[in-house]
Structure formats: structure tokens, C-alpha cells
Amino acid sequence: MSSIVRQSKGLVSADIDGEVVMMSVEQGIYYRLDEVGSRIWGLIEQPMEVSVLCDRLLEEYEVERADCESGVLKFLDELLEQEGVDVDGAV
């Protein structure tokens, strides 16, 4: 939770009708993020500690902290696997 995450330069992204679509140019893979994923992507445009990211999401969405943290870590792990996020420290 103390790791700092930020968008990786390895993905090209665009906002389309309030949702983010991304493409890995190197891997040729296309992603479409839902509302929450799009919000997370927007928040990590600037480096942000994972715990602060969860705090921000808890202010905006009605979700239990444990569920938020679990979901955020899963999402970040998936982005990390696709080289979509840079991490300082282990997620």
C-alpha cells in the first residue's frame, strides 16, 4: 500500500465517452477500462501512493476499504503485467 504508482509510457490512452481505452503498441493489445478503472488511470497520471489512491476512491465511491484495496491491487497487478504502470516498491 506504500508503493508509488504512475502511468507507464508504454501504453497509448484516450478518453472516449467517459471511459479510457488503451493500447500497448509493443504488444498490440487493446484495453477498455470501466468507470472505476478509468478513474484510477486518471488519478495515477501523476505518481501516487497506493494508499492515497484508495483514500481518493473511498471519497468518491461507496465501497468498504478492504474491498477497495483488494480491487485496486488486483487492477494494478493486471496493469503491471501488461507494463501499463510503473511502480516504486512492490505492490
PDB file of N, CA and C in Angstrom:
ATOM      1  N   MET A   1       0.819  -1.205   0.000  1.00  0.00           N
ATOM      2  CA  MET A   1       0.000   0.000   0.000  1.00  0.00           C
ATOM      3  C   MET A   1       0.864   1.270   0.000  1.00  0.00           C
ATOM      4  N   SER A   2       2.136   1.112   0.339  1.00  0.00           N
ATOM      5  CA  SER A   2       3.006   2.291   0.361  1.00  0.00           C
ATOM      6  C   SER A   2       3.764   2.488  -0.949  1.00  0.00           C
ATOM      7  N   SER A   3       3.554   1.586  -1.909  1.00  0.00           N
ATOM      8  CA  SER A   3       4.205   1.734  -3.210  1.00  0.00           C
ATOM      9  C   SER A   3       3.651   2.946  -3.939  1.00  0.00           C
ATOM     10  N   ILE A   4       4.492   3.545  -4.756  1.00  0.00           N
ATOM     11  CA  ILE A   4       4.073   4.689  -5.570  1.00  0.00           C
ATOM     12  C   ILE A   4       3.896   4.202  -6.998  1.00  0.00           C
ATOM     13  N   VAL A   5       2.732   4.498  -7.584  1.00  0.00           N
ATOM     14  CA  VAL A   5       2.408   4.051  -8.943  1.00  0.00           C
ATOM     15  C   VAL A   5       2.156   5.250  -9.839  1.00  0.00           C
ATOM     16  N   ARG A   6       2.390   5.024 -11.127  1.00  0.00           N
ATOM     17  CA  ARG A   6       2.119   6.055 -12.133  1.00  0.00           C
ATOM     18  C   ARG A   6       1.892   5.359 -13.459  1.00  0.00           C
ATOM     19  N   GLN A   7       1.219   6.059 -14.352  1.00  0.00           N
ATOM     20  CA  GLN A   7       1.003   5.531 -15.695  1.00  0.00           C
ATOM     21  C   GLN A   7       2.344   5.272 -16.358  1.00  0.00           C
ATOM     22  N   SER A   8       2.428   4.169 -17.062  1.00  0.00           N
ATOM     23  CA  SER A   8       3.609   3.856 -17.844  1.00  0.00           C
ATOM     24  C   SER A   8       3.516   4.548 -19.187  1.00  0.00           C
ATOM     25  N   LYS A   9       4.649   4.870 -19.735  1.00  0.00           N
ATOM     26  CA  LYS A   9       4.679   5.466 -21.073  1.00  0.00           C
ATOM     27  C   LYS A   9       4.489   4.406 -22.154  1.00  0.00           C
ATOM     28  N   GLY A  10       4.386   3.124 -21.739  1.00  0.00           N
ATOM     29  CA  GLY A  10       4.262   2.031 -22.697  1.00  0.00           C
ATOM     30  C   GLY A  10       2.885   1.872 -23.300  1.00  0.00           C
ATOM     31  N   LEU A  11       1.899   2.583 -22.782  1.00  0.00           N
ATOM     32  CA  LEU A  11       0.534   2.488 -23.295  1.00  0.00           C
ATOM     33  C   LEU A  11       0.083   3.831 -23.849  1.00  0.00           C
ATOM     34  N   VAL A  12      -0.650   3.768 -24.941  1.00  0.00           N
ATOM     35  CA  VAL A  12      -1.290   4.946 -25.507  1.00  0.00           C
ATOM     36  C   VAL A  12      -2.734   4.912 -25.032  1.00  0.00           C
ATOM     37  N   SER A  13      -3.252   6.026 -24.507  1.00  0.00           N
ATOM     38  CA  SER A  13      -4.620   6.019 -23.991  1.00  0.00           C
ATOM     39  C   SER A  13      -5.398   7.226 -24.499  1.00  0.00           C
ATOM     40  N   ALA A  14      -6.722   7.058 -24.509  1.00  0.00           N
ATOM     41  CA  ALA A  14      -7.623   8.137 -24.908  1.00  0.00           C
ATOM     42  C   ALA A  14      -8.936   7.973 -24.153  1.00  0.00           C
ATOM     43  N   ASP A  15      -9.581   9.096 -23.867  1.00  0.00           N
ATOM     44  CA  ASP A  15     -10.890   9.092 -23.218  1.00  0.00           C
ATOM     45  C   ASP A  15     -11.957   9.116 -24.305  1.00  0.00           C
ATOM     46  N   ILE A  16     -12.832   8.108 -24.279  1.00  0.00           N
ATOM     47  CA  ILE A  16     -13.928   8.035 -25.243  1.00  0.00           C
ATOM     48  C   ILE A  16     -15.224   7.850 -24.462  1.00  0.00           C
ATOM     49  N   ASP A  17     -16.074   8.862 -24.510  1.00  0.00           N
ATOM     50  CA  ASP A  17     -17.364   8.824 -23.811  1.00  0.00           C
ATOM     51  C   ASP A  17     -17.216   8.480 -22.332  1.00  0.00           C
ATOM     52  N   GLY A  18     -16.214   9.065 -21.673  1.00  0.00           N
ATOM     53  CA  GLY A  18     -16.053   8.886 -20.241  1.00  0.00           C
ATOM     54  C   GLY A  18     -15.333   7.623 -19.827  1.00  0.00           C
ATOM     55  N   GLU A  19     -14.933   6.797 -20.784  1.00  0.00           N
ATOM     56  CA  GLU A  19     -14.166   5.601 -20.484  1.00  0.00           C
ATOM     57  C   GLU A  19     -12.828   5.691 -21.194  1.00  0.00           C
ATOM     58  N   VAL A  20     -11.833   5.093 -20.586  1.00  0.00           N
ATOM     59  CA  VAL A  20     -10.499   5.115 -21.163  1.00  0.00           C
ATOM     60  C   VAL A  20     -10.280   3.858 -21.995  1.00  0.00           C
ATOM     61  N   VAL A  21      -9.742   4.055 -23.178  1.00  0.00           N
ATOM     62  CA  VAL A  21      -9.273   2.938 -23.993  1.00  0.00           C
ATOM     63  C   VAL A  21      -7.759   3.081 -24.111  1.00  0.00           C
ATOM     64  N   MET A  22      -7.083   1.957 -24.048  1.00  0.00           N
ATOM     65  CA  MET A  22      -5.631   1.965 -24.083  1.00  0.00           C
ATOM     66  C   MET A  22      -5.153   0.921 -25.076  1.00  0.00           C
ATOM     67  N   MET A  23      -3.963   1.153 -25.600  1.00  0.00           N
ATOM     68  CA  MET A  23      -3.358   0.183 -26.487  1.00  0.00           C
ATOM     69  C   MET A  23      -1.875   0.088 -26.181  1.00  0.00           C
ATOM     70  N   SER A  24      -1.420  -1.143 -26.102  1.00  0.00           N
ATOM     71  CA  SER A  24       0.001  -1.403 -25.985  1.00  0.00           C
ATOM     72  C   SER A  24       0.532  -1.517 -27.404  1.00  0.00           C
ATOM     73  N   VAL A  25       1.317  -0.542 -27.811  1.00  0.00           N
ATOM     74  CA  VAL A  25       1.861  -0.534 -29.161  1.00  0.00           C
ATOM     75  C   VAL A  25       2.806  -1.715 -29.351  1.00  0.00           C
ATOM     76  N   GLU A  26       3.630  -1.981 -28.339  1.00  0.00           N
ATOM     77  CA  GLU A  26       4.589  -3.082 -28.429  1.00  0.00           C
ATOM     78  C   GLU A  26       3.909  -4.440 -28.516  1.00  0.00           C
ATOM     79  N   GLN A  27       2.854  -4.640 -27.724  1.00  0.00           N
ATOM     80  CA  GLN A  27       2.196  -5.942 -27.669  1.00  0.00           C
ATOM     81  C   GLN A  27       0.993  -6.037 -28.600  1.00  0.00           C
ATOM     82  N   GLY A  28       0.529  -4.907 -29.113  1.00  0.00           N
ATOM     83  CA  GLY A  28      -0.626  -4.918 -29.997  1.00  0.00           C
ATOM     84  C   GLY A  28      -1.910  -5.317 -29.293  1.00  0.00           C
ATOM     85  N   ILE A  29      -2.006  -5.003 -28.006  1.00  0.00           N
ATOM     86  CA  ILE A  29      -3.181  -5.365 -27.207  1.00  0.00           C
ATOM     87  C   ILE A  29      -3.982  -4.104 -26.892  1.00  0.00           C
ATOM     88  N   TYR A  30      -5.308  -4.245 -26.992  1.00  0.00           N
ATOM     89  CA  TYR A  30      -6.244  -3.149 -26.762  1.00  0.00           C
ATOM     90  C   TYR A  30      -6.985  -3.401 -25.464  1.00  0.00           C
ATOM     91  N   TYR A  31      -7.184  -2.354 -24.661  1.00  0.00           N
ATOM     92  CA  TYR A  31      -7.889  -2.448 -23.383  1.00  0.00           C
ATOM     93  C   TYR A  31      -8.969  -1.381 -23.328  1.00  0.00           C
ATOM     94  N   ARG A  32     -10.068  -1.714 -22.686  1.00  0.00           N
ATOM     95  CA  ARG A  32     -11.108  -0.725 -22.416  1.00  0.00           C
ATOM     96  C   ARG A  32     -11.403  -0.788 -20.925  1.00  0.00           C
ATOM     97  N   LEU A  33     -11.279   0.345 -20.264  1.00  0.00           N
ATOM     98  CA  LEU A  33     -11.478   0.401 -18.822  1.00  0.00           C
ATOM     99  C   LEU A  33     -12.890   0.840 -18.486  1.00  0.00           C
ATOM    100  N   ASP A  34     -13.447   0.262 -17.422  1.00  0.00           N
ATOM    101  CA  ASP A  34     -14.757   0.696 -16.947  1.00  0.00           C
ATOM    102  C   ASP A  34     -14.599   2.017 -16.190  1.00  0.00           C
ATOM    103  N   GLU A  35     -15.666   2.478 -15.586  1.00  0.00           N
ATOM    104  CA  GLU A  35     -15.654   3.773 -14.902  1.00  0.00           C
ATOM    105  C   GLU A  35     -14.593   3.852 -13.810  1.00  0.00           C
ATOM    106  N   VAL A  36     -14.537   2.829 -12.967  1.00  0.00           N
ATOM    107  CA  VAL A  36     -13.582   2.860 -11.856  1.00  0.00           C
ATOM    108  C   VAL A  36     -12.154   2.720 -12.377  1.00  0.00           C
ATOM    109  N   GLY A  37     -11.937   1.814 -13.314  1.00  0.00           N
ATOM    110  CA  GLY A  37     -10.614   1.666 -13.904  1.00  0.00           C
ATOM    111  C   GLY A  37     -10.157   2.950 -14.570  1.00  0.00           C
ATOM    112  N   SER A  38     -11.088   3.615 -15.256  1.00  0.00           N
ATOM    113  CA  SER A  38     -10.776   4.892 -15.897  1.00  0.00           C
ATOM    114  C   SER A  38     -10.398   5.940 -14.859  1.00  0.00           C
ATOM    115  N   ARG A  39     -11.101   5.926 -13.728  1.00  0.00           N
ATOM    116  CA  ARG A  39     -10.801   6.894 -12.665  1.00  0.00           C
ATOM    117  C   ARG A  39      -9.419   6.633 -12.071  1.00  0.00           C
ATOM    118  N   ILE A  40      -9.109   5.363 -11.834  1.00  0.00           N
ATOM    119  CA  ILE A  40      -7.790   5.010 -11.308  1.00  0.00           C
ATOM    120  C   ILE A  40      -6.711   5.458 -12.290  1.00  0.00           C
ATOM    121  N   TRP A  41      -6.922   5.173 -13.572  1.00  0.00           N
ATOM    122  CA  TRP A  41      -5.949   5.559 -14.593  1.00  0.00           C
ATOM    123  C   TRP A  41      -5.726   7.071 -14.575  1.00  0.00           C
ATOM    124  N   GLY A  42      -6.796   7.828 -14.453  1.00  0.00           N
ATOM    125  CA  GLY A  42      -6.673   9.284 -14.396  1.00  0.00           C
ATOM    126  C   GLY A  42      -5.924   9.754 -13.162  1.00  0.00           C
ATOM    127  N   LEU A  43      -6.183   9.113 -12.040  1.00  0.00           N
ATOM    128  CA  LEU A  43      -5.525   9.517 -10.797  1.00  0.00           C
ATOM    129  C   LEU A  43      -4.034   9.235 -10.817  1.00  0.00           C
ATOM    130  N   ILE A  44      -3.633   8.157 -11.481  1.00  0.00           N
ATOM    131  CA  ILE A  44      -2.203   7.824 -11.475  1.00  0.00           C
ATOM    132  C   ILE A  44      -1.450   8.455 -12.651  1.00  0.00           C
ATOM    133  N   GLU A  45      -2.068   9.444 -13.261  1.00  0.00           N
ATOM    134  CA  GLU A  45      -1.335  10.214 -14.267  1.00  0.00           C
ATOM    135  C   GLU A  45      -0.109  10.852 -13.615  1.00  0.00           C
ATOM    136  N   GLN A  46      -0.277  11.265 -12.373  1.00  0.00           N
ATOM    137  CA  GLN A  46       0.822  11.758 -11.544  1.00  0.00           C
ATOM    138  C   GLN A  46       1.157  10.660 -10.532  1.00  0.00           C
ATOM    139  N   PRO A  47       2.421  10.491 -10.168  1.00  0.00           N
ATOM    140  CA  PRO A  47       2.783   9.465  -9.184  1.00  0.00           C
ATOM    141  C   PRO A  47       1.949   9.598  -7.914  1.00  0.00           C
ATOM    142  N   MET A  48       1.461   8.448  -7.416  1.00  0.00           N
ATOM    143  CA  MET A  48       0.592   8.459  -6.244  1.00  0.00           C
ATOM    144  C   MET A  48       0.812   7.183  -5.439  1.00  0.00           C
ATOM    145  N   GLU A  49       0.871   7.322  -4.129  1.00  0.00           N
ATOM    146  CA  GLU A  49       0.971   6.165  -3.250  1.00  0.00           C
ATOM    147  C   GLU A  49      -0.347   5.391  -3.320  1.00  0.00           C
ATOM    148  N   VAL A  50      -0.261   4.070  -3.315  1.00  0.00           N
ATOM    149  CA  VAL A  50      -1.450   3.230  -3.452  1.00  0.00           C
ATOM    150  C   VAL A  50      -2.456   3.523  -2.344  1.00  0.00           C
ATOM    151  N   SER A  51      -1.983   3.734  -1.128  1.00  0.00           N
ATOM    152  CA  SER A  51      -2.911   4.021  -0.027  1.00  0.00           C
ATOM    153  C   SER A  51      -3.653   5.335  -0.258  1.00  0.00           C
ATOM    154  N   VAL A  52      -2.987   6.327  -0.825  1.00  0.00           N
ATOM    155  CA  VAL A  52      -3.629   7.613  -1.135  1.00  0.00           C
ATOM    156  C   VAL A  52      -4.638   7.422  -2.265  1.00  0.00           C
ATOM    157  N   LEU A  53      -4.283   6.611  -3.246  1.00  0.00           N
ATOM    158  CA  LEU A  53      -5.211   6.282  -4.330  1.00  0.00           C
ATOM    159  C   LEU A  53      -6.492   5.676  -3.757  1.00  0.00           C
ATOM    160  N   CYS A  54      -6.354   4.732  -2.843  1.00  0.00           N
ATOM    161  CA  CYS A  54      -7.530   4.119  -2.219  1.00  0.00           C
ATOM    162  C   CYS A  54      -8.330   5.146  -1.421  1.00  0.00           C
ATOM    163  N   ASP A  55      -7.645   6.023  -0.708  1.00  0.00           N
ATOM    164  CA  ASP A  55      -8.341   7.082   0.042  1.00  0.00           C
ATOM    165  C   ASP A  55      -9.189   7.936  -0.895  1.00  0.00           C
ATOM    166  N   ARG A  56      -8.626   8.302  -2.041  1.00  0.00           N
ATOM    167  CA  ARG A  56      -9.368   9.120  -3.015  1.00  0.00           C
ATOM    168  C   ARG A  56     -10.594   8.379  -3.528  1.00  0.00           C
ATOM    169  N   LEU A  57     -10.430   7.100  -3.831  1.00  0.00           N
ATOM    170  CA  LEU A  57     -11.559   6.313  -4.343  1.00  0.00           C
ATOM    171  C   LEU A  57     -12.641   6.146  -3.276  1.00  0.00           C
ATOM    172  N   LEU A  58     -12.237   5.984  -2.028  1.00  0.00           N
ATOM    173  CA  LEU A  58     -13.206   5.839  -0.943  1.00  0.00           C
ATOM    174  C   LEU A  58     -14.031   7.116  -0.758  1.00  0.00           C
ATOM    175  N   GLU A  59     -13.455   8.261  -1.091  1.00  0.00           N
ATOM    176  CA  GLU A  59     -14.190   9.522  -1.024  1.00  0.00           C
ATOM    177  C   GLU A  59     -15.238   9.612  -2.133  1.00  0.00           C
ATOM    178  N   GLU A  60     -14.997   8.940  -3.246  1.00  0.00           N
ATOM    179  CA  GLU A  60     -15.854   9.059  -4.428  1.00  0.00           C
ATOM    180  C   GLU A  60     -16.847   7.924  -4.610  1.00  0.00           C
ATOM    181  N   TYR A  61     -16.544   6.743  -4.064  1.00  0.00           N
ATOM    182  CA  TYR A  61     -17.389   5.568  -4.267  1.00  0.00           C
ATOM    183  C   TYR A  61     -17.778   4.960  -2.931  1.00  0.00           C
ATOM    184  N   GLU A  62     -18.958   4.390  -2.891  1.00  0.00           N
ATOM    185  CA  GLU A  62     -19.418   3.707  -1.685  1.00  0.00           C
ATOM    186  C   GLU A  62     -18.936   2.267  -1.737  1.00  0.00           C
ATOM    187  N   VAL A  63     -17.834   2.023  -1.037  1.00  0.00           N
ATOM    188  CA  VAL A  63     -17.212   0.701  -1.020  1.00  0.00           C
ATOM    189  C   VAL A  63     -16.455   0.551   0.296  1.00  0.00           C
ATOM    190  N   GLU A  64     -16.382  -0.668   0.785  1.00  0.00           N
ATOM    191  CA  GLU A  64     -15.622  -0.930   2.009  1.00  0.00           C
ATOM    192  C   GLU A  64     -14.129  -0.828   1.704  1.00  0.00           C
ATOM    193  N   ARG A  65     -13.352  -0.362   2.678  1.00  0.00           N
ATOM    194  CA  ARG A  65     -11.915  -0.173   2.479  1.00  0.00           C
ATOM    195  C   ARG A  65     -11.246  -1.467   2.005  1.00  0.00           C
ATOM    196  N   ALA A  66     -11.545  -2.584   2.644  1.00  0.00           N
ATOM    197  CA  ALA A  66     -10.898  -3.849   2.272  1.00  0.00           C
ATOM    198  C   ALA A  66     -11.197  -4.214   0.826  1.00  0.00           C
ATOM    199  N   ASP A  67     -12.446  -4.017   0.398  1.00  0.00           N
ATOM    200  CA  ASP A  67     -12.816  -4.313  -0.991  1.00  0.00           C
ATOM    201  C   ASP A  67     -12.117  -3.365  -1.955  1.00  0.00           C
ATOM    202  N   CYS A  68     -12.020  -2.103  -1.577  1.00  0.00           N
ATOM    203  CA  CYS A  68     -11.345  -1.106  -2.408  1.00  0.00           C
ATOM    204  C   CYS A  68      -9.878  -1.467  -2.576  1.00  0.00           C
ATOM    205  N   GLU A  69      -9.206  -1.732  -1.462  1.00  0.00           N
ATOM    206  CA  GLU A  69      -7.789  -2.060  -1.517  1.00  0.00           C
ATOM    207  C   GLU A  69      -7.545  -3.311  -2.349  1.00  0.00           C
ATOM    208  N   SER A  70      -8.361  -4.330  -2.138  1.00  0.00           N
ATOM    209  CA  SER A  70      -8.220  -5.572  -2.891  1.00  0.00           C
ATOM    210  C   SER A  70      -8.410  -5.338  -4.387  1.00  0.00           C
ATOM    211  N   GLY A  71      -9.455  -4.594  -4.737  1.00  0.00           N
ATOM    212  CA  GLY A  71      -9.737  -4.317  -6.140  1.00  0.00           C
ATOM    213  C   GLY A  71      -8.654  -3.471  -6.800  1.00  0.00           C
ATOM    214  N   VAL A  72      -8.165  -2.474  -6.079  1.00  0.00           N
ATOM    215  CA  VAL A  72      -7.118  -1.606  -6.611  1.00  0.00           C
ATOM    216  C   VAL A  72      -5.839  -2.411  -6.834  1.00  0.00           C
ATOM    217  N   LEU A  73      -5.461  -3.234  -5.865  1.00  0.00           N
ATOM    218  CA  LEU A  73      -4.245  -4.026  -6.013  1.00  0.00           C
ATOM    219  C   LEU A  73      -4.363  -5.013  -7.172  1.00  0.00           C
ATOM    220  N   LYS A  74      -5.530  -5.615  -7.340  1.00  0.00           N
ATOM    221  CA  LYS A  74      -5.736  -6.536  -8.462  1.00  0.00           C
ATOM    222  C   LYS A  74      -5.610  -5.787  -9.792  1.00  0.00           C
ATOM    223  N   PHE A  75      -6.242  -4.635  -9.884  1.00  0.00           N
ATOM    224  CA  PHE A  75      -6.190  -3.824 -11.095  1.00  0.00           C
ATOM    225  C   PHE A  75      -4.750  -3.404 -11.409  1.00  0.00           C
ATOM    226  N   LEU A  76      -4.025  -2.945 -10.388  1.00  0.00           N
ATOM    227  CA  LEU A  76      -2.644  -2.521 -10.594  1.00  0.00           C
ATOM    228  C   LEU A  76      -1.746  -3.695 -10.988  1.00  0.00           C
ATOM    229  N   ASP A  77      -1.998  -4.865 -10.400  1.00  0.00           N
ATOM    230  CA  ASP A  77      -1.239  -6.060 -10.790  1.00  0.00           C
ATOM    231  C   ASP A  77      -1.455  -6.387 -12.263  1.00  0.00           C
ATOM    232  N   GLU A  78      -2.710  -6.277 -12.722  1.00  0.00           N
ATOM    233  CA  GLU A  78      -3.006  -6.540 -14.129  1.00  0.00           C
ATOM    234  C   GLU A  78      -2.311  -5.521 -15.029  1.00  0.00           C
ATOM    235  N   LEU A  79      -2.330  -4.255 -14.630  1.00  0.00           N
ATOM    236  CA  LEU A  79      -1.620  -3.230 -15.399  1.00  0.00           C
ATOM    237  C   LEU A  79      -0.116  -3.486 -15.408  1.00  0.00           C
ATOM    238  N   LEU A  80       0.410  -3.909 -14.270  1.00  0.00           N
ATOM    239  CA  LEU A  80       1.837  -4.183 -14.167  1.00  0.00           C
ATOM    240  C   LEU A  80       2.239  -5.315 -15.111  1.00  0.00           C
ATOM    241  N   GLU A  81       1.421  -6.354 -15.188  1.00  0.00           N
ATOM    242  CA  GLU A  81       1.690  -7.478 -16.090  1.00  0.00           C
ATOM    243  C   GLU A  81       1.744  -7.025 -17.546  1.00  0.00           C
ATOM    244  N   GLN A  82       0.950  -6.016 -17.885  1.00  0.00           N
ATOM    245  CA  GLN A  82       0.894  -5.514 -19.259  1.00  0.00           C
ATOM    246  C   GLN A  82       1.812  -4.308 -19.455  1.00  0.00           C
ATOM    247  N   GLU A  83       2.657  -4.030 -18.456  1.00  0.00           N
ATOM    248  CA  GLU A  83       3.592  -2.913 -18.489  1.00  0.00           C
ATOM    249  C   GLU A  83       2.870  -1.574 -18.657  1.00  0.00           C
ATOM    250  N   GLY A  84       1.692  -1.482 -18.024  1.00  0.00           N
ATOM    251  CA  GLY A  84       0.895  -0.261 -18.123  1.00  0.00           C
ATOM    252  C   GLY A  84       1.089   0.678 -16.962  1.00  0.00           C
ATOM    253  N   VAL A  85       1.813   0.220 -15.951  1.00  0.00           N
ATOM    254  CA  VAL A  85       2.028   1.044 -14.769  1.00  0.00           C
ATOM    255  C   VAL A  85       3.465   0.855 -14.291  1.00  0.00           C
ATOM    256  N   ASP A  86       4.057   1.945 -13.827  1.00  0.00           N
ATOM    257  CA  ASP A  86       5.372   1.886 -13.210  1.00  0.00           C
ATOM    258  C   ASP A  86       5.184   1.928 -11.698  1.00  0.00           C
ATOM    259  N   VAL A  87       5.974   1.118 -10.981  1.00  0.00           N
ATOM    260  CA  VAL A  87       5.824   1.004  -9.535  1.00  0.00           C
ATOM    261  C   VAL A  87       7.169   1.223  -8.866  1.00  0.00           C
ATOM    262  N   ASP A  88       7.170   2.082  -7.863  1.00  0.00           N
ATOM    263  CA  ASP A  88       8.335   2.250  -6.980  1.00  0.00           C
ATOM    264  C   ASP A  88       8.036   1.467  -5.720  1.00  0.00           C
ATOM    265  N   GLY A  89       8.668   0.321  -5.530  1.00  0.00           N
ATOM    266  CA  GLY A  89       8.363  -0.571  -4.421  1.00  0.00           C
ATOM    267  C   GLY A  89       7.434  -1.668  -4.914  1.00  0.00           C
ATOM    268  N   ALA A  90       7.216  -2.672  -4.111  1.00  0.00           N
ATOM    269  CA  ALA A  90       6.340  -3.798  -4.506  1.00  0.00           C
ATOM    270  C   ALA A  90       4.891  -3.475  -4.231  1.00  0.00           C
ATOM    271  N   VAL A  91       4.018  -3.826  -5.178  1.00  0.00           N
ATOM    272  CA  VAL A  91       2.574  -3.618  -4.994  1.00  0.00           C
ATOM    273  C   VAL A  91       2.057  -4.708  -4.100  1.00  0.00           C
TER     274      VAL A  91
END
